[in-house]
Structures are given as C-alpha cells and as structure tokens.
Amino acid sequence: VQLQASGGGSVQAGGSLRLSCTASGVIFSIYNMGWYREAPGKQRELVARISYSDSTNYADSVKGRFTISRDNAKNTVYLQMISLKPEDTAVYYCHAVRYVDSGSLVFWGQGTLVTVSS
C-alpha cells in the first residue's frame, strides 16, 4: 500500500495551495481518508478527514479555509487550502483508515511540506 502526497510548497500568507494524495494497493473507495499536519515542536494533529461516504470534518483552526475532497475514480484525496497563515506551516501527511471487525487498517503517506511566510 502506498500513499503518495504532493502539492506542498512555499507561499506567502493569504495564498493558496492544493495538496493531493494518491493511493495504490488499496480499494480506495472504502477507506476513510484524512490529512494531518505536524509543525516543528508540535504533535501531529488532524486537519481534515472525509469518510468513504463523503462526510467531512475539520479542525477548528482551518474551518472555512480548507476543503477536503476525494475522487474515487482517481484514487485521490485533495486538500484545498486558501487564506493560508504562517501557523499553517507544517509537514502535511495523508492518512487512510478502514475499520474492520478485528480493529483498523491504517496507512500514512510520506508527508509534504507547506511553508507559509508572513
């Protein structure tokens, strides 16, 4: 199973980026997908997630600025980020989880760096 994230980069405050994460080796449509981020010196935190049935939820800090979506035909989940702030600077990780009777199947992508300058 591989989760390949891309789309990170450096932008100024107020700018936009779109992250993509493409999965291989899994039946993508049955997985709940998410984006987490890890800033220097901080714990990894949930940014947004989208279930296999397209329900979404967001961290309070990104509500109204970030949008998560998925394209099952392309095995890809997206994170559209607008009005970026310096505090959004972090490594962003793609996450996939499926809950089964015996527990859960969890996979992580390699991370993509987002740097927002003031």
Protein backbone atom coordinates (compact mmCIF):
# COMPACT_ATOMS: atom_id res chain seq x y z
CA VAL A 1 0.00 0.00 0.00
CA GLN A 2 1.32 3.44 -0.92
CA LEU A 3 0.02 6.93 -0.28
CA GLN A 4 1.84 9.46 -2.43
CA ALA A 5 1.34 13.05 -1.33
CA SER A 6 2.22 16.07 -3.39
CA GLY A 7 1.45 19.75 -3.78
CA GLY A 8 3.34 21.26 -0.90
CA GLY A 9 5.44 24.35 -1.31
CA SER A 10 6.19 27.84 -0.09
CA VAL A 11 3.61 30.60 -0.26
CA GLN A 12 3.01 33.96 1.32
CA ALA A 13 0.29 34.50 3.87
CA GLY A 14 -3.06 34.74 2.17
CA GLY A 15 -2.01 32.40 -0.60
CA SER A 16 -3.41 29.06 -1.65
CA LEU A 17 -2.18 25.53 -2.23
CA ARG A 18 -3.82 22.25 -3.15
CA LEU A 19 -2.43 19.04 -1.76
CA SER A 20 -3.07 15.71 -3.44
CA CYS A 21 -2.64 12.18 -2.16
CA THR A 22 -2.93 9.23 -4.49
CA ALA A 23 -3.35 5.74 -3.12
CA SER A 24 -2.28 2.48 -4.65
CA GLY A 25 -2.66 -1.07 -3.47
CA VAL A 26 -5.98 -0.50 -1.72
CA ILE A 27 -9.63 -0.33 -2.64
CA PHE A 28 -9.62 3.43 -2.18
CA SER A 29 -13.38 3.93 -2.14
CA ILE A 30 -13.88 2.00 1.11
CA TYR A 31 -11.24 3.92 3.07
CA ASN A 32 -11.76 6.96 5.23
CA MET A 33 -9.13 9.50 4.22
CA GLY A 34 -7.60 12.37 6.08
CA TRP A 35 -4.90 14.98 6.27
CA TYR A 36 -2.81 15.54 9.37
CA ARG A 37 -0.04 18.01 9.94
CA GLU A 38 2.98 18.23 12.15
CA ALA A 39 4.58 21.58 12.87
CA PRO A 40 8.09 21.89 14.33
CA GLY A 41 7.99 21.10 18.03
CA LYS A 42 4.33 20.15 17.99
CA GLN A 43 2.36 16.94 17.91
CA ARG A 44 0.77 15.69 14.76
CA GLU A 45 -2.81 16.91 14.54
CA LEU A 46 -5.85 16.19 12.44
CA VAL A 47 -6.56 18.83 9.81
CA ALA A 48 -9.49 17.32 7.91
CA ARG A 49 -10.99 13.98 7.08
CA ILE A 50 -13.50 12.58 4.66
CA SER A 51 -15.27 9.30 5.11
CA TYR A 52 -15.88 6.68 2.46
CA SER A 53 -19.43 8.12 2.32
CA ASP A 54 -18.13 11.69 1.80
CA SER A 55 -18.92 13.10 5.23
CA THR A 56 -16.28 15.59 6.29
CA ASN A 57 -14.99 17.26 9.39
CA TYR A 58 -12.29 19.83 10.05
CA ALA A 59 -10.10 21.15 12.78
CA ASP A 60 -11.49 24.42 14.12
CA SER A 61 -8.34 26.22 13.04
CA VAL A 62 -8.94 25.51 9.35
CA LYS A 63 -12.73 25.64 9.07
CA GLY A 64 -13.80 27.94 6.28
CA ARG A 65 -10.31 27.97 4.74
CA PHE A 66 -9.56 24.33 3.89
CA THR A 67 -11.67 21.90 1.91
CA ILE A 68 -11.12 18.17 1.70
CA SER A 69 -12.49 16.18 -1.20
CA ARG A 70 -11.95 12.86 -2.88
CA ASP A 71 -12.10 11.40 -6.36
CA ASN A 72 -12.56 7.66 -6.11
CA ALA A 73 -12.04 7.20 -9.84
CA LYS A 74 -8.53 8.62 -9.42
CA ASN A 75 -7.83 7.08 -6.00
CA THR A 76 -7.01 10.57 -4.83
CA VAL A 77 -7.88 12.80 -1.90
CA TYR A 78 -7.33 16.54 -2.06
CA LEU A 79 -6.89 19.34 0.43
CA GLN A 80 -7.61 22.76 -0.98
CA MET A 81 -6.11 25.41 1.27
CA ILE A 82 -6.87 29.11 0.93
CA SER A 83 -6.12 32.16 3.07
CA LEU A 84 -3.05 30.41 4.37
CA LYS A 85 -1.47 31.67 7.57
CA PRO A 86 2.07 31.30 8.91
CA GLU A 87 0.69 28.97 11.58
CA ASP A 88 -0.34 26.56 8.82
CA THR A 89 3.33 25.85 8.24
CA ALA A 90 3.88 22.13 8.77
CA VAL A 91 4.53 18.82 7.13
CA TYR A 92 1.18 17.53 5.91
CA TYR A 93 0.54 13.80 5.94
CA CYS A 94 -2.08 11.82 4.11
CA HIS A 95 -3.86 9.16 6.16
CA ALA A 96 -6.08 6.24 5.25
CA VAL A 97 -8.06 4.12 7.69
CA ARG A 98 -10.55 1.32 7.37
CA TYR A 99 -12.32 -0.17 10.35
CA VAL A 100 -12.69 -3.94 10.37
CA ASP A 101 -14.01 -6.41 12.94
CA SER A 102 -10.52 -7.05 14.33
CA GLY A 103 -9.53 -3.40 14.58
CA SER A 104 -8.38 -0.94 11.96
CA LEU A 105 -6.13 -0.80 8.94
CA VAL A 106 -4.09 2.42 8.93
CA PHE A 107 -1.71 3.79 6.35
CA TRP A 108 0.32 7.03 6.19
CA GLY A 109 1.83 8.91 3.31
CA GLN A 110 5.34 10.33 3.34
CA GLY A 111 4.41 13.93 4.03
CA THR A 112 4.64 17.11 2.04
CA LEU A 113 5.99 20.38 3.43
CA VAL A 114 3.90 23.53 3.44
CA THR A 115 5.66 26.75 4.37
CA VAL A 116 3.70 29.98 4.76
CA SER A 117 5.66 33.18 5.17
CA SER A 118 4.32 36.40 6.61
